Amino acid sequence: MASHSEVLHMLDFSVNTQIDFLTWIRRGALDVKEINAEDISRIIDLSKKYSDVPMDFGSRLVKWCKFLSPMNA
């Protein structure tokens, strides 16, 4: 959800565009993942591994989702 809020912040120039983005999510364009304590541990590990790369929490979540992808299993 942090990545979604970042996108909404970037789209703050237009409420209609924000609504379009949320509608796009509702239609299934994105898979919204729930984060649990185990996931936070993985995000911490990735944060340590990539500590030399400037990333905010939203970027770390994108990296975490990449590792969840079946293509990376």
PDB file of N, CA and C in Angstrom:
ATOM      1  N   MET A   1       0.812  -1.192   0.000  1.00  0.00           N
ATOM      2  CA  MET A   1       0.000   0.000   0.000  1.00  0.00           C
ATOM      3  C   MET A   1       0.857   1.259   0.000  1.00  0.00           C
ATOM      4  N   ALA A   2       2.065   1.148   0.529  1.00  0.00           N
ATOM      5  CA  ALA A   2       2.940   2.326   0.535  1.00  0.00           C
ATOM      6  C   ALA A   2       3.241   2.796  -0.882  1.00  0.00           C
ATOM      7  N   SER A   3       3.425   1.847  -1.799  1.00  0.00           N
ATOM      8  CA  SER A   3       3.691   2.230  -3.189  1.00  0.00           C
ATOM      9  C   SER A   3       2.485   2.922  -3.804  1.00  0.00           C
ATOM     10  N   HIS A   4       1.293   2.469  -3.428  1.00  0.00           N
ATOM     11  CA  HIS A   4       0.074   3.099  -3.940  1.00  0.00           C
ATOM     12  C   HIS A   4      -0.029   4.537  -3.455  1.00  0.00           C
ATOM     13  N   SER A   5       0.285   4.747  -2.195  1.00  0.00           N
ATOM     14  CA  SER A   5       0.191   6.110  -1.666  1.00  0.00           C
ATOM     15  C   SER A   5       1.225   7.019  -2.318  1.00  0.00           C
ATOM     16  N   GLU A   6       2.390   6.469  -2.676  1.00  0.00           N
ATOM     17  CA  GLU A   6       3.382   7.266  -3.386  1.00  0.00           C
ATOM     18  C   GLU A   6       2.862   7.683  -4.757  1.00  0.00           C
ATOM     19  N   VAL A   7       2.242   6.744  -5.455  1.00  0.00           N
ATOM     20  CA  VAL A   7       1.681   7.075  -6.769  1.00  0.00           C
ATOM     21  C   VAL A   7       0.598   8.137  -6.621  1.00  0.00           C
ATOM     22  N   LEU A   8      -0.276   7.962  -5.636  1.00  0.00           N
ATOM     23  CA  LEU A   8      -1.335   8.946  -5.426  1.00  0.00           C
ATOM     24  C   LEU A   8      -0.749  10.323  -5.110  1.00  0.00           C
ATOM     25  N   HIS A   9       0.337  10.349  -4.367  1.00  0.00           N
ATOM     26  CA  HIS A   9       0.996  11.624  -4.074  1.00  0.00           C
ATOM     27  C   HIS A   9       1.525  12.263  -5.359  1.00  0.00           C
ATOM     28  N   MET A  10       2.109  11.440  -6.222  1.00  0.00           N
ATOM     29  CA  MET A  10       2.643  11.962  -7.476  1.00  0.00           C
ATOM     30  C   MET A  10       1.523  12.447  -8.403  1.00  0.00           C
ATOM     31  N   LEU A  11       0.325  11.913  -8.213  1.00  0.00           N
ATOM     32  CA  LEU A  11      -0.822  12.300  -9.045  1.00  0.00           C
ATOM     33  C   LEU A  11      -1.683  13.365  -8.378  1.00  0.00           C
ATOM     34  N   ASP A  12      -1.126  14.044  -7.375  1.00  0.00           N
ATOM     35  CA  ASP A  12      -1.927  15.017  -6.623  1.00  0.00           C
ATOM     36  C   ASP A  12      -2.348  16.240  -7.435  1.00  0.00           C
ATOM     37  N   PHE A  13      -1.882  16.340  -8.647  1.00  0.00           N
ATOM     38  CA  PHE A  13      -2.293  17.449  -9.510  1.00  0.00           C
ATOM     39  C   PHE A  13      -3.725  17.290 -10.012  1.00  0.00           C
ATOM     40  N   SER A  14      -4.290  16.046  -9.843  1.00  0.00           N
ATOM     41  CA  SER A  14      -5.627  15.801 -10.370  1.00  0.00           C
ATOM     42  C   SER A  14      -6.332  14.701  -9.578  1.00  0.00           C
ATOM     43  N   VAL A  15      -7.403  15.074  -8.904  1.00  0.00           N
ATOM     44  CA  VAL A  15      -8.192  14.081  -8.165  1.00  0.00           C
ATOM     45  C   VAL A  15      -8.761  13.042  -9.136  1.00  0.00           C
ATOM     46  N   ASN A  16      -9.156  13.483 -10.314  1.00  0.00           N
ATOM     47  CA  ASN A  16      -9.704  12.541 -11.301  1.00  0.00           C
ATOM     48  C   ASN A  16      -8.664  11.502 -11.718  1.00  0.00           C
ATOM     49  N   THR A  17      -7.419  11.920 -11.851  1.00  0.00           N
ATOM     50  CA  THR A  17      -6.357  10.985 -12.200  1.00  0.00           C
ATOM     51  C   THR A  17      -6.101  10.010 -11.047  1.00  0.00           C
ATOM     52  N   GLN A  18      -6.157  10.496  -9.819  1.00  0.00           N
ATOM     53  CA  GLN A  18      -6.018   9.612  -8.659  1.00  0.00           C
ATOM     54  C   GLN A  18      -7.146   8.575  -8.649  1.00  0.00           C
ATOM     55  N   ILE A  19      -8.352   9.009  -8.911  1.00  0.00           N
ATOM     56  CA  ILE A  19      -9.502   8.095  -8.950  1.00  0.00           C
ATOM     57  C   ILE A  19      -9.327   7.082 -10.077  1.00  0.00           C
ATOM     58  N   ASP A  20      -8.838   7.537 -11.224  1.00  0.00           N
ATOM     59  CA  ASP A  20      -8.567   6.608 -12.329  1.00  0.00           C
ATOM     60  C   ASP A  20      -7.562   5.544 -11.905  1.00  0.00           C
ATOM     61  N   PHE A  21      -6.518   5.959 -11.192  1.00  0.00           N
ATOM     62  CA  PHE A  21      -5.517   5.007 -10.712  1.00  0.00           C
ATOM     63  C   PHE A  21      -6.146   3.994  -9.755  1.00  0.00           C
ATOM     64  N   LEU A  22      -6.950   4.468  -8.809  1.00  0.00           N
ATOM     65  CA  LEU A  22      -7.601   3.565  -7.858  1.00  0.00           C
ATOM     66  C   LEU A  22      -8.591   2.637  -8.561  1.00  0.00           C
ATOM     67  N   THR A  23      -9.277   3.140  -9.554  1.00  0.00           N
ATOM     68  CA  THR A  23     -10.201   2.310 -10.339  1.00  0.00           C
ATOM     69  C   THR A  23      -9.427   1.228 -11.085  1.00  0.00           C
ATOM     70  N   TRP A  24      -8.287   1.594 -11.614  1.00  0.00           N
ATOM     71  CA  TRP A  24      -7.417   0.656 -12.320  1.00  0.00           C
ATOM     72  C   TRP A  24      -6.991  -0.483 -11.384  1.00  0.00           C
ATOM     73  N   ILE A  25      -6.669  -0.146 -10.133  1.00  0.00           N
ATOM     74  CA  ILE A  25      -6.317  -1.166  -9.137  1.00  0.00           C
ATOM     75  C   ILE A  25      -7.525  -2.049  -8.853  1.00  0.00           C
ATOM     76  N   ARG A  26      -8.678  -1.414  -8.626  1.00  0.00           N
ATOM     77  CA  ARG A  26      -9.902  -2.167  -8.311  1.00  0.00           C
ATOM     78  C   ARG A  26     -10.244  -3.166  -9.409  1.00  0.00           C
ATOM     79  N   ARG A  27      -9.942  -2.821 -10.642  1.00  0.00           N
ATOM     80  CA  ARG A  27     -10.236  -3.705 -11.783  1.00  0.00           C
ATOM     81  C   ARG A  27      -9.260  -4.871 -11.886  1.00  0.00           C
ATOM     82  N   GLY A  28      -8.284  -4.907 -10.997  1.00  0.00           N
ATOM     83  CA  GLY A  28      -7.359  -6.039 -10.967  1.00  0.00           C
ATOM     84  C   GLY A  28      -6.028  -5.808 -11.649  1.00  0.00           C
ATOM     85  N   ALA A  29      -5.716  -4.569 -11.969  1.00  0.00           N
ATOM     86  CA  ALA A  29      -4.456  -4.279 -12.652  1.00  0.00           C
ATOM     87  C   ALA A  29      -3.243  -4.588 -11.775  1.00  0.00           C
ATOM     88  N   LEU A  30      -3.420  -4.472 -10.476  1.00  0.00           N
ATOM     89  CA  LEU A  30      -2.343  -4.756  -9.527  1.00  0.00           C
ATOM     90  C   LEU A  30      -2.821  -5.778  -8.510  1.00  0.00           C
ATOM     91  N   ASP A  31      -1.889  -6.574  -8.036  1.00  0.00           N
ATOM     92  CA  ASP A  31      -2.172  -7.521  -6.974  1.00  0.00           C
ATOM     93  C   ASP A  31      -1.764  -6.870  -5.661  1.00  0.00           C
ATOM     94  N   VAL A  32      -2.728  -6.535  -4.815  1.00  0.00           N
ATOM     95  CA  VAL A  32      -2.440  -5.872  -3.548  1.00  0.00           C
ATOM     96  C   VAL A  32      -2.070  -6.942  -2.518  1.00  0.00           C
ATOM     97  N   LYS A  33      -0.859  -6.848  -1.990  1.00  0.00           N
ATOM     98  CA  LYS A  33      -0.336  -7.830  -1.028  1.00  0.00           C
ATOM     99  C   LYS A  33      -0.472  -7.310   0.400  1.00  0.00           C
ATOM    100  N   GLU A  34      -0.794  -8.217   1.300  1.00  0.00           N
ATOM    101  CA  GLU A  34      -0.792  -7.894   2.724  1.00  0.00           C
ATOM    102  C   GLU A  34       0.607  -8.151   3.262  1.00  0.00           C
ATOM    103  N   ILE A  35       1.074  -7.278   4.141  1.00  0.00           N
ATOM    104  CA  ILE A  35       2.403  -7.430   4.721  1.00  0.00           C
ATOM    105  C   ILE A  35       2.268  -7.931   6.147  1.00  0.00           C
ATOM    106  N   ASN A  36       2.981  -9.015   6.477  1.00  0.00           N
ATOM    107  CA  ASN A  36       2.963  -9.536   7.847  1.00  0.00           C
ATOM    108  C   ASN A  36       4.365  -9.408   8.458  1.00  0.00           C
ATOM    109  N   ALA A  37       4.522  -9.867   9.680  1.00  0.00           N
ATOM    110  CA  ALA A  37       5.798  -9.715  10.395  1.00  0.00           C
ATOM    111  C   ALA A  37       6.940 -10.425   9.671  1.00  0.00           C
ATOM    112  N   GLU A  38       6.670 -11.575   9.089  1.00  0.00           N
ATOM    113  CA  GLU A  38       7.705 -12.304   8.344  1.00  0.00           C
ATOM    114  C   GLU A  38       8.153 -11.497   7.119  1.00  0.00           C
ATOM    115  N   ASP A  39       7.185 -10.853   6.477  1.00  0.00           N
ATOM    116  CA  ASP A  39       7.509 -10.021   5.320  1.00  0.00           C
ATOM    117  C   ASP A  39       8.378  -8.834   5.729  1.00  0.00           C
ATOM    118  N   ILE A  40       8.072  -8.236   6.876  1.00  0.00           N
ATOM    119  CA  ILE A  40       8.874  -7.118   7.368  1.00  0.00           C
ATOM    120  C   ILE A  40      10.318  -7.583   7.595  1.00  0.00           C
ATOM    121  N   SER A  41      10.484  -8.797   8.114  1.00  0.00           N
ATOM    122  CA  SER A  41      11.831  -9.348   8.301  1.00  0.00           C
ATOM    123  C   SER A  41      12.557  -9.442   6.962  1.00  0.00           C
ATOM    124  N   ARG A  42      11.852  -9.876   5.924  1.00  0.00           N
ATOM    125  CA  ARG A  42      12.458  -9.984   4.587  1.00  0.00           C
ATOM    126  C   ARG A  42      12.804  -8.592   4.041  1.00  0.00           C
ATOM    127  N   ILE A  43      11.926  -7.630   4.286  1.00  0.00           N
ATOM    128  CA  ILE A  43      12.189  -6.261   3.839  1.00  0.00           C
ATOM    129  C   ILE A  43      13.420  -5.700   4.554  1.00  0.00           C
ATOM    130  N   ILE A  44      13.563  -6.015   5.845  1.00  0.00           N
ATOM    131  CA  ILE A  44      14.753  -5.593   6.593  1.00  0.00           C
ATOM    132  C   ILE A  44      15.998  -6.217   5.976  1.00  0.00           C
ATOM    133  N   ASP A  45      15.936  -7.513   5.667  1.00  0.00           N
ATOM    134  CA  ASP A  45      17.082  -8.185   5.042  1.00  0.00           C
ATOM    135  C   ASP A  45      17.443  -7.540   3.708  1.00  0.00           C
ATOM    136  N   LEU A  46      16.429  -7.254   2.888  1.00  0.00           N
ATOM    137  CA  LEU A  46      16.682  -6.612   1.603  1.00  0.00           C
ATOM    138  C   LEU A  46      17.234  -5.201   1.786  1.00  0.00           C
ATOM    139  N   SER A  47      16.742  -4.505   2.809  1.00  0.00           N
ATOM    140  CA  SER A  47      17.238  -3.157   3.093  1.00  0.00           C
ATOM    141  C   SER A  47      18.721  -3.195   3.435  1.00  0.00           C
ATOM    142  N   LYS A  48      19.123  -4.188   4.211  1.00  0.00           N
ATOM    143  CA  LYS A  48      20.543  -4.340   4.556  1.00  0.00           C
ATOM    144  C   LYS A  48      21.362  -4.706   3.321  1.00  0.00           C
ATOM    145  N   LYS A  49      20.835  -5.641   2.528  1.00  0.00           N
ATOM    146  CA  LYS A  49      21.546  -6.096   1.337  1.00  0.00           C
ATOM    147  C   LYS A  49      21.761  -4.952   0.348  1.00  0.00           C
ATOM    148  N   TYR A  50      20.759  -4.102   0.192  1.00  0.00           N
ATOM    149  CA  TYR A  50      20.824  -3.018  -0.784  1.00  0.00           C
ATOM    150  C   TYR A  50      21.011  -1.656  -0.107  1.00  0.00           C
ATOM    151  N   SER A  51      21.697  -1.643   1.022  1.00  0.00           N
ATOM    152  CA  SER A  51      21.869  -0.394   1.779  1.00  0.00           C
ATOM    153  C   SER A  51      22.667   0.664   1.019  1.00  0.00           C
ATOM    154  N   ASP A  52      23.417   0.234   0.008  1.00  0.00           N
ATOM    155  CA  ASP A  52      24.184   1.193  -0.782  1.00  0.00           C
ATOM    156  C   ASP A  52      23.345   1.824  -1.898  1.00  0.00           C
ATOM    157  N   VAL A  53      22.090   1.391  -2.027  1.00  0.00           N
ATOM    158  CA  VAL A  53      21.188   1.907  -3.056  1.00  0.00           C
ATOM    159  C   VAL A  53      20.131   2.776  -2.376  1.00  0.00           C
ATOM    160  N   PRO A  54      20.023   4.053  -2.779  1.00  0.00           N
ATOM    161  CA  PRO A  54      19.010   4.908  -2.151  1.00  0.00           C
ATOM    162  C   PRO A  54      17.597   4.426  -2.490  1.00  0.00           C
ATOM    163  N   MET A  55      16.846   4.063  -1.449  1.00  0.00           N
ATOM    164  CA  MET A  55      15.479   3.576  -1.629  1.00  0.00           C
ATOM    165  C   MET A  55      14.636   4.030  -0.455  1.00  0.00           C
ATOM    166  N   ASP A  56      13.405   4.418  -0.741  1.00  0.00           N
ATOM    167  CA  ASP A  56      12.466   4.672   0.336  1.00  0.00           C
ATOM    168  C   ASP A  56      11.661   3.389   0.565  1.00  0.00           C
ATOM    169  N   PHE A  57      10.740   3.436   1.526  1.00  0.00           N
ATOM    170  CA  PHE A  57       9.995   2.228   1.874  1.00  0.00           C
ATOM    171  C   PHE A  57       9.193   1.700   0.686  1.00  0.00           C
ATOM    172  N   GLY A  58       8.593   2.581  -0.085  1.00  0.00           N
ATOM    173  CA  GLY A  58       7.834   2.146  -1.255  1.00  0.00           C
ATOM    174  C   GLY A  58       8.703   1.386  -2.245  1.00  0.00           C
ATOM    175  N   SER A  59       9.905   1.879  -2.468  1.00  0.00           N
ATOM    176  CA  SER A  59      10.841   1.196  -3.371  1.00  0.00           C
ATOM    177  C   SER A  59      11.248  -0.162  -2.813  1.00  0.00           C
ATOM    178  N   ARG A  60      11.415  -0.221  -1.503  1.00  0.00           N
ATOM    179  CA  ARG A  60      11.756  -1.502  -0.876  1.00  0.00           C
ATOM    180  C   ARG A  60      10.607  -2.507  -1.037  1.00  0.00           C
ATOM    181  N   LEU A  61       9.380  -2.014  -0.963  1.00  0.00           N
ATOM    182  CA  LEU A  61       8.240  -2.903  -1.165  1.00  0.00           C
ATOM    183  C   LEU A  61       8.205  -3.447  -2.589  1.00  0.00           C
ATOM    184  N   VAL A  62       8.539  -2.606  -3.547  1.00  0.00           N
ATOM    185  CA  VAL A  62       8.589  -3.075  -4.936  1.00  0.00           C
ATOM    186  C   VAL A  62       9.642  -4.173  -5.063  1.00  0.00           C
ATOM    187  N   LYS A  63      10.796  -3.974  -4.449  1.00  0.00           N
ATOM    188  CA  LYS A  63      11.854  -4.987  -4.475  1.00  0.00           C
ATOM    189  C   LYS A  63      11.375  -6.271  -3.800  1.00  0.00           C
ATOM    190  N   TRP A  64      10.672  -6.142  -2.659  1.00  0.00           N
ATOM    191  CA  TRP A  64      10.141  -7.291  -1.943  1.00  0.00           C
ATOM    192  C   TRP A  64       9.142  -8.048  -2.819  1.00  0.00           C
ATOM    193  N   CYS A  65       8.273  -7.335  -3.519  1.00  0.00           N
ATOM    194  CA  CYS A  65       7.287  -7.980  -4.394  1.00  0.00           C
ATOM    195  C   CYS A  65       7.984  -8.727  -5.513  1.00  0.00           C
ATOM    196  N   LYS A  66       9.088  -8.181  -5.995  1.00  0.00           N
ATOM    197  CA  LYS A  66       9.852  -8.864  -7.045  1.00  0.00           C
ATOM    198  C   LYS A  66      10.314 -10.230  -6.550  1.00  0.00           C
ATOM    199  N   PHE A  67      10.745 -10.288  -5.295  1.00  0.00           N
ATOM    200  CA  PHE A  67      11.214 -11.563  -4.741  1.00  0.00           C
ATOM    201  C   PHE A  67      10.052 -12.532  -4.491  1.00  0.00           C
ATOM    202  N   LEU A  68       8.823 -12.028  -4.389  1.00  0.00           N
ATOM    203  CA  LEU A  68       7.647 -12.886  -4.217  1.00  0.00           C
ATOM    204  C   LEU A  68       7.181 -13.477  -5.536  1.00  0.00           C
ATOM    205  N   SER A  69       7.606 -12.877  -6.623  1.00  0.00           N
ATOM    206  CA  SER A  69       7.147 -13.280  -7.949  1.00  0.00           C
ATOM    207  C   SER A  69       7.467 -14.750  -8.205  1.00  0.00           C
ATOM    208  N   PRO A  70       6.507 -15.514  -8.789  1.00  0.00           N
ATOM    209  CA  PRO A  70       6.777 -16.925  -9.109  1.00  0.00           C
ATOM    210  C   PRO A  70       7.975 -17.084 -10.041  1.00  0.00           C
ATOM    211  N   MET A  71       8.275 -16.061 -10.820  1.00  0.00           N
ATOM    212  CA  MET A  71       9.425 -16.145 -11.723  1.00  0.00           C
ATOM    213  C   MET A  71      10.736 -16.179 -10.958  1.00  0.00           C
ATOM    214  N   ASN A  72      10.720 -15.715  -9.698  1.00  0.00           N
ATOM    215  CA  ASN A  72      11.938 -15.689  -8.883  1.00  0.00           C
ATOM    216  C   ASN A  72      11.966 -16.806  -7.857  1.00  0.00           C
ATOM    217  N   ALA A  73      10.992 -17.705  -7.892  1.00  0.00           N
ATOM    218  CA  ALA A  73      10.917 -18.793  -6.907  1.00  0.00           C
ATOM    219  C   ALA A  73      11.898 -19.890  -7.226  1.00  0.00           C
TER     220      ALA A  73
END
